[in-house]
Amino acid sequence: MKTLVKMIVVVSALSSVAMAAEVDHREDRQQDRIARGVQDGQLTPAETARLERQEARIDARIDRERAENGGHLTPAERRSINRQQNRESRRIYAAKHNARHE
C-alpha cells in the first residue's frame, strides 16, 4: 500500500513538471515562429511588434502566477494560459499568411 501511494505521488509530480515544461516549450516554439516570419519577410514590423507585445504579456503572466504559487502553475492557470497561447498561435498564423509582407 505504501508503495502504491509513493508511486502515485511520483507520477503526479512528474506529470506536473511535464506540463510546466510544455508551457515553457510552447513559448519557445511560438517565439521561433515569429522569428522565422521576420526572416522570411512574412511579418511586417508592426505585426512583429504586436505579436511580441502579446508574447511578453503571456510570459509576464506566467512568471507572476508562478511567483504567487511557489514556482508552479495550478491546473486552472495552465488551462487558461494554454487558451491564451492558442489564441496567440492563431494570431501568428494569420499574420504570417495575410497579404502584408515586409
C-alpha atoms as a PDB file:
ATOM      1  CA  MET A   1       0.000   0.000   0.000  1.00  0.00           C
ATOM      2  CA  LYS A   2       2.788   2.448   0.866  1.00  0.00           C
ATOM      3  CA  THR A   3       4.477   1.647  -2.429  1.00  0.00           C
ATOM      4  CA  LEU A   4       1.293   2.451  -4.332  1.00  0.00           C
ATOM      5  CA  VAL A   5       0.936   5.795  -2.567  1.00  0.00           C
ATOM      6  CA  LYS A   6       4.580   6.639  -3.298  1.00  0.00           C
ATOM      7  CA  MET A   7       4.104   5.740  -6.964  1.00  0.00           C
ATOM      8  CA  ILE A   8       1.034   7.967  -7.207  1.00  0.00           C
ATOM      9  CA  VAL A   9       2.903  10.874  -5.641  1.00  0.00           C
ATOM     10  CA  VAL A  10       5.866  10.414  -8.008  1.00  0.00           C
ATOM     11  CA  VAL A  11       3.630  10.173 -11.097  1.00  0.00           C
ATOM     12  CA  SER A  12       1.700  13.277 -10.031  1.00  0.00           C
ATOM     13  CA  ALA A  13       4.901  15.227  -9.507  1.00  0.00           C
ATOM     14  CA  LEU A  14       6.332  14.143 -12.849  1.00  0.00           C
ATOM     15  CA  SER A  15       3.161  14.986 -14.767  1.00  0.00           C
ATOM     16  CA  SER A  16       3.063  18.438 -13.189  1.00  0.00           C
ATOM     17  CA  VAL A  17       6.706  19.023 -14.160  1.00  0.00           C
ATOM     18  CA  ALA A  18       5.967  17.817 -17.695  1.00  0.00           C
ATOM     19  CA  MET A  19       3.006  20.171 -18.021  1.00  0.00           C
ATOM     20  CA  ALA A  20       5.062  23.115 -16.769  1.00  0.00           C
ATOM     21  CA  ALA A  21       7.784  22.221 -19.255  1.00  0.00           C
ATOM     22  CA  GLU A  22       5.162  22.180 -22.022  1.00  0.00           C
ATOM     23  CA  VAL A  23       4.170  25.785 -21.231  1.00  0.00           C
ATOM     24  CA  ASP A  24       7.832  26.852 -21.472  1.00  0.00           C
ATOM     25  CA  HIS A  25       8.480  24.795 -24.590  1.00  0.00           C
ATOM     26  CA  ARG A  26       5.439  26.264 -26.297  1.00  0.00           C
ATOM     27  CA  GLU A  27       6.654  29.789 -25.525  1.00  0.00           C
ATOM     28  CA  ASP A  28       9.936  28.929 -27.261  1.00  0.00           C
ATOM     29  CA  ARG A  29       8.191  27.427 -30.308  1.00  0.00           C
ATOM     30  CA  GLN A  30       5.967  30.481 -30.750  1.00  0.00           C
ATOM     31  CA  GLN A  31       8.971  32.798 -30.479  1.00  0.00           C
ATOM     32  CA  ASP A  32      10.701  30.706 -33.169  1.00  0.00           C
ATOM     33  CA  ARG A  33       7.646  31.006 -35.428  1.00  0.00           C
ATOM     34  CA  ILE A  34       7.691  34.787 -35.061  1.00  0.00           C
ATOM     35  CA  ALA A  35      11.446  34.911 -35.758  1.00  0.00           C
ATOM     36  CA  ARG A  36      11.034  32.772 -38.895  1.00  0.00           C
ATOM     37  CA  GLY A  37       8.225  35.051 -40.059  1.00  0.00           C
ATOM     38  CA  VAL A  38      10.516  38.048 -39.710  1.00  0.00           C
ATOM     39  CA  GLN A  39      13.378  36.292 -41.525  1.00  0.00           C
ATOM     40  CA  ASP A  40      11.113  35.165 -44.365  1.00  0.00           C
ATOM     41  CA  GLY A  41       9.562  38.609 -44.716  1.00  0.00           C
ATOM     42  CA  GLN A  42       6.105  37.259 -43.865  1.00  0.00           C
ATOM     43  CA  LEU A  43       5.667  39.657 -40.938  1.00  0.00           C
ATOM     44  CA  THR A  44       5.756  43.426 -41.133  1.00  0.00           C
ATOM     45  CA  PRO A  45       7.468  45.376 -38.350  1.00  0.00           C
ATOM     46  CA  ALA A  46       4.065  46.408 -36.949  1.00  0.00           C
ATOM     47  CA  GLU A  47       2.802  42.810 -36.921  1.00  0.00           C
ATOM     48  CA  THR A  48       6.016  41.639 -35.283  1.00  0.00           C
ATOM     49  CA  ALA A  49       5.801  44.312 -32.579  1.00  0.00           C
ATOM     50  CA  ARG A  50       2.169  43.439 -31.815  1.00  0.00           C
ATOM     51  CA  LEU A  51       2.920  39.698 -31.598  1.00  0.00           C
ATOM     52  CA  GLU A  52       5.986  40.297 -29.424  1.00  0.00           C
ATOM     53  CA  ARG A  53       3.997  42.522 -27.027  1.00  0.00           C
ATOM     54  CA  GLN A  54       1.368  39.818 -26.611  1.00  0.00           C
ATOM     55  CA  GLU A  55       4.041  37.152 -26.082  1.00  0.00           C
ATOM     56  CA  ALA A  56       5.608  39.385 -23.416  1.00  0.00           C
ATOM     57  CA  ARG A  57       2.226  39.718 -21.672  1.00  0.00           C
ATOM     58  CA  ILE A  58       1.818  35.940 -21.616  1.00  0.00           C
ATOM     59  CA  ASP A  59       5.378  35.480 -20.298  1.00  0.00           C
ATOM     60  CA  ALA A  60       4.797  38.088 -17.566  1.00  0.00           C
ATOM     61  CA  ARG A  61       1.568  36.377 -16.564  1.00  0.00           C
ATOM     62  CA  ILE A  62       3.302  33.002 -16.316  1.00  0.00           C
ATOM     63  CA  ASP A  63       6.107  34.495 -14.222  1.00  0.00           C
ATOM     64  CA  ARG A  64       3.646  36.306 -11.943  1.00  0.00           C
ATOM     65  CA  GLU A  65       1.452  33.248 -11.387  1.00  0.00           C
ATOM     66  CA  ARG A  66       4.462  31.038 -10.722  1.00  0.00           C
ATOM     67  CA  ALA A  67       5.759  33.542  -8.181  1.00  0.00           C
ATOM     68  CA  GLU A  68       2.371  33.517  -6.437  1.00  0.00           C
ATOM     69  CA  ASN A  69       2.346  29.702  -6.238  1.00  0.00           C
ATOM     70  CA  GLY A  70       5.878  28.848  -5.199  1.00  0.00           C
ATOM     71  CA  GLY A  71       7.205  28.333  -8.724  1.00  0.00           C
ATOM     72  CA  HIS A  72       4.302  26.248 -10.016  1.00  0.00           C
ATOM     73  CA  LEU A  73       1.171  26.798 -12.071  1.00  0.00           C
ATOM     74  CA  THR A  74      -2.147  25.433 -10.892  1.00  0.00           C
ATOM     75  CA  PRO A  75      -4.111  23.255 -13.338  1.00  0.00           C
ATOM     76  CA  ALA A  76      -6.610  26.099 -13.840  1.00  0.00           C
ATOM     77  CA  GLU A  77      -3.788  28.536 -14.599  1.00  0.00           C
ATOM     78  CA  ARG A  78      -2.241  26.082 -17.079  1.00  0.00           C
ATOM     79  CA  ARG A  79      -5.599  25.710 -18.865  1.00  0.00           C
ATOM     80  CA  SER A  80      -6.076  29.461 -19.022  1.00  0.00           C
ATOM     81  CA  ILE A  81      -2.536  30.048 -20.285  1.00  0.00           C
ATOM     82  CA  ASN A  82      -2.981  27.274 -22.840  1.00  0.00           C
ATOM     83  CA  ARG A  83      -6.113  29.015 -24.179  1.00  0.00           C
ATOM     84  CA  GLN A  84      -4.225  32.295 -24.321  1.00  0.00           C
ATOM     85  CA  GLN A  85      -1.344  30.625 -26.168  1.00  0.00           C
ATOM     86  CA  ASN A  86      -3.818  29.021 -28.592  1.00  0.00           C
ATOM     87  CA  ARG A  87      -5.224  32.453 -29.431  1.00  0.00           C
ATOM     88  CA  GLU A  88      -1.714  33.811 -29.901  1.00  0.00           C
ATOM     89  CA  SER A  89      -0.812  30.878 -32.132  1.00  0.00           C
ATOM     90  CA  ARG A  90      -3.792  31.674 -34.366  1.00  0.00           C
ATOM     91  CA  ARG A  91      -2.726  35.343 -34.472  1.00  0.00           C
ATOM     92  CA  ILE A  92       0.796  34.331 -35.520  1.00  0.00           C
ATOM     93  CA  TYR A  93      -0.586  32.119 -38.282  1.00  0.00           C
ATOM     94  CA  ALA A  94      -2.966  34.823 -39.523  1.00  0.00           C
ATOM     95  CA  ALA A  95      -0.239  37.481 -39.545  1.00  0.00           C
ATOM     96  CA  LYS A  96       2.183  35.220 -41.410  1.00  0.00           C
ATOM     97  CA  HIS A  97      -0.406  34.250 -44.020  1.00  0.00           C
ATOM     98  CA  ASN A  98      -2.041  37.576 -44.802  1.00  0.00           C
ATOM     99  CA  ALA A  99      -1.196  39.619 -47.891  1.00  0.00           C
ATOM    100  CA  ARG A 100       1.083  42.025 -45.997  1.00  0.00           C
ATOM    101  CA  HIS A 101       4.809  41.456 -46.352  1.00  0.00           C
ATOM    102  CA  GLU A 102       7.872  43.336 -45.303  1.00  0.00           C
END
